[in-house]
């Protein structure tokens, strides 16, 4: 025997309601898909004027390096950073010849006292580099910078790098 139409309608309605409740319940606790949908991946979020990038302000270029500063970066700092002690030894030997007021010959008189230790410190650093003693090299660098950096910057910052000497440096 067939149930009356009202009972059939009630069963259909209850099944539909049950399906709706199940879908709503499980979708509330379901994990979202971590993959973006194709539509959301292609669309960029709209930019409003409030979150737009500010216009780039013209900036001043950095000041140029000074001659000795530029030479030190290329010939002393780079070998220290790279651990190239033979190259550093050569650079410190050359640096000994950059000392201001270096007297070219022994008979030319006493060496001025303003930068009297520059060449000796540079030679000590070169010797330490040849002996693979990086910490000793760094100590000679600190010693020279402590003695001469401020004075050199205030007096001789624009001084060009002198050509390699043709005389032996004492």
Protein backbone atom coordinates (compact mmCIF):
# COMPACT_ATOMS: atom_id res chain seq x y z
CA UNK A 1 0.00 0.00 0.00
CA UNK A 2 1.16 3.38 -0.88
CA UNK A 3 1.46 6.11 1.81
CA UNK A 4 -0.73 9.14 1.36
CA UNK A 5 0.78 12.12 -0.53
CA UNK A 6 1.03 14.22 2.61
CA UNK A 7 3.30 11.65 4.27
CA UNK A 8 5.47 11.47 1.15
CA UNK A 9 5.85 15.25 1.13
CA UNK A 10 6.76 15.26 4.82
CA UNK A 11 9.42 12.59 4.27
CA UNK A 12 10.92 14.48 1.33
CA UNK A 13 10.98 17.68 3.32
CA UNK A 14 12.62 16.03 6.30
CA UNK A 15 15.29 14.42 4.07
CA UNK A 16 16.04 17.77 2.44
CA UNK A 17 16.24 19.45 5.84
CA UNK A 18 18.56 16.71 7.12
CA UNK A 19 20.84 17.11 4.08
CA UNK A 20 20.97 20.89 4.56
CA UNK A 21 21.86 20.55 8.25
CA UNK A 22 24.60 18.01 7.50
CA UNK A 23 26.19 20.17 4.81
CA UNK A 24 26.06 23.25 7.03
CA UNK A 25 27.55 21.37 10.00
CA UNK A 26 30.42 19.76 8.11
CA UNK A 27 31.33 22.86 6.10
CA UNK A 28 31.69 24.81 9.35
CA UNK A 29 34.34 22.35 10.57
CA UNK A 30 35.99 21.51 7.28
CA UNK A 31 39.57 22.68 6.63
CA UNK A 32 39.86 25.27 3.87
CA UNK A 33 41.63 24.26 0.68
CA UNK A 34 45.22 25.62 0.91
CA UNK A 35 45.43 25.95 -2.86
CA UNK A 36 44.16 29.27 -4.14
CA UNK A 37 41.39 29.16 -6.66
CA UNK A 38 42.31 30.11 -10.17
CA UNK A 39 40.26 33.29 -9.96
CA UNK A 40 41.79 34.52 -6.71
CA UNK A 41 45.31 33.72 -7.88
CA UNK A 42 44.94 35.92 -10.92
CA UNK A 43 43.41 38.93 -9.25
CA UNK A 44 45.52 41.44 -7.37
CA UNK A 45 43.93 43.07 -4.37
CA UNK A 46 42.58 46.49 -5.22
CA UNK A 47 44.74 49.41 -4.14
CA UNK A 48 43.01 52.25 -2.53
CA UNK A 49 44.64 55.61 -2.11
CA UNK A 50 44.97 54.93 1.62
CA UNK A 51 47.25 51.90 1.18
CA UNK A 52 49.00 52.94 -2.05
CA UNK A 53 52.78 53.21 -2.04
CA UNK A 54 53.99 56.72 -1.30
CA UNK A 55 55.62 58.50 -4.21
CA UNK A 56 59.36 58.06 -4.33
CA UNK A 57 61.21 61.08 -3.06
CA UNK A 58 64.37 62.05 -4.89
CA UNK A 59 67.32 61.01 -2.77
CA UNK A 60 70.81 62.36 -2.85
CA UNK A 61 73.46 59.97 -4.14
CA UNK A 62 75.88 58.69 -1.52
CA UNK A 63 79.06 60.72 -1.21
CA UNK A 64 81.96 59.41 -3.25
CA UNK A 65 84.71 57.51 -1.54
CA UNK A 66 87.90 59.41 -0.91
CA UNK A 67 91.13 58.14 -2.52
CA UNK A 68 92.60 56.24 0.43
CA UNK A 69 89.18 55.03 1.56
CA UNK A 70 88.49 53.62 -1.88
CA UNK A 71 91.92 51.99 -2.06
CA UNK A 72 91.52 50.45 1.42
CA UNK A 73 88.11 48.97 0.56
CA UNK A 74 89.45 47.33 -2.59
CA UNK A 75 92.91 46.28 -1.44
CA UNK A 76 92.75 45.77 2.34
CA UNK A 77 89.14 45.15 3.40
CA UNK A 78 88.38 42.72 0.56
CA UNK A 79 91.33 40.39 1.34
CA UNK A 80 90.53 40.48 5.07
CA UNK A 81 86.91 39.54 4.37
CA UNK A 82 87.95 36.84 1.90
CA UNK A 83 90.79 35.51 4.05
CA UNK A 84 93.35 36.18 1.29
CA UNK A 85 96.39 36.84 3.49
CA UNK A 86 99.01 36.89 0.68
CA UNK A 87 97.06 39.65 -1.11
CA UNK A 88 96.66 41.47 2.20
CA UNK A 89 100.42 41.28 2.82
CA UNK A 90 101.05 42.92 -0.56
CA UNK A 91 98.47 45.60 0.13
CA UNK A 92 100.00 46.42 3.52
CA UNK A 93 103.47 46.60 1.96
CA UNK A 94 102.10 49.13 -0.55
CA UNK A 95 100.28 50.98 2.24
CA UNK A 96 103.61 51.56 4.00
CA UNK A 97 104.55 53.75 1.04
CA UNK A 98 101.39 55.86 1.39
CA UNK A 99 102.48 57.34 4.69
CA UNK A 100 102.31 61.12 4.58
CA UNK A 101 105.67 62.83 4.87
CA UNK A 102 107.71 59.69 4.24
CA UNK A 103 111.29 60.73 3.75
CA UNK A 104 112.63 59.19 0.52
CA UNK A 105 116.28 58.95 1.61
CA UNK A 106 118.04 58.52 4.91
CA UNK A 107 120.15 61.67 4.35
CA UNK A 108 117.06 63.87 3.84
CA UNK A 109 116.68 64.44 7.55
CA UNK A 110 114.48 63.06 10.29
CA UNK A 111 111.03 61.76 9.54
CA UNK A 112 108.20 64.11 10.62
CA UNK A 113 106.52 62.92 13.80
CA UNK A 114 102.93 63.43 12.62
CA UNK A 115 102.71 60.03 10.91
CA UNK A 116 105.95 58.52 12.18
CA UNK A 117 104.59 55.01 12.88
CA UNK A 118 102.42 54.59 9.78
CA UNK A 119 104.97 52.69 7.67
CA UNK A 120 106.17 50.54 10.59
CA UNK A 121 102.60 49.56 11.50
CA UNK A 122 101.85 48.66 7.88
CA UNK A 123 105.02 46.55 7.64
CA UNK A 124 104.15 44.79 10.92
CA UNK A 125 100.72 44.01 9.50
CA UNK A 126 102.27 42.65 6.27
CA UNK A 127 104.60 40.46 8.32
CA UNK A 128 101.68 39.12 10.36
CA UNK A 129 99.75 38.40 7.13
CA UNK A 130 102.71 36.46 5.73
CA UNK A 131 102.71 34.43 8.98
CA UNK A 132 98.98 33.63 8.60
CA UNK A 133 98.13 35.52 11.80
CA UNK A 134 94.86 37.24 10.90
CA UNK A 135 94.13 38.47 14.44
CA UNK A 136 97.58 40.12 14.60
CA UNK A 137 96.88 41.80 11.24
CA UNK A 138 93.58 43.12 12.57
CA UNK A 139 95.36 44.41 15.68
CA UNK A 140 97.81 46.39 13.52
CA UNK A 141 94.89 47.81 11.55
CA UNK A 142 93.18 48.92 14.77
CA UNK A 143 96.43 50.46 16.00
CA UNK A 144 96.94 52.48 12.84
CA UNK A 145 93.31 53.59 12.71
CA UNK A 146 93.40 54.63 16.37
CA UNK A 147 96.51 56.73 15.80
CA UNK A 148 95.88 58.23 12.38
CA UNK A 149 92.33 57.88 11.06
CA UNK A 150 90.83 61.06 12.56
CA UNK A 151 93.95 63.15 11.79
CA UNK A 152 94.14 61.87 8.22
CA UNK A 153 90.44 62.47 7.61
CA UNK A 154 90.61 66.03 8.92
CA UNK A 155 93.84 67.01 7.15
CA UNK A 156 94.44 64.81 4.12
CA UNK A 157 91.17 63.15 3.13
CA UNK A 158 91.36 64.32 -0.50
CA UNK A 159 95.04 63.43 -0.88
CA UNK A 160 95.59 61.27 -3.96
CA UNK A 161 97.18 57.86 -3.56
CA UNK A 162 100.89 58.33 -4.22
CA UNK A 163 102.54 56.27 -6.95
CA UNK A 164 104.59 53.29 -5.79
CA UNK A 165 107.91 54.43 -4.35
CA UNK A 166 111.15 53.82 -6.16
CA UNK A 167 113.21 54.02 -2.99
CA UNK A 168 113.34 51.54 -0.14
CA UNK A 169 110.96 52.48 2.64
CA UNK A 170 112.73 52.54 6.01
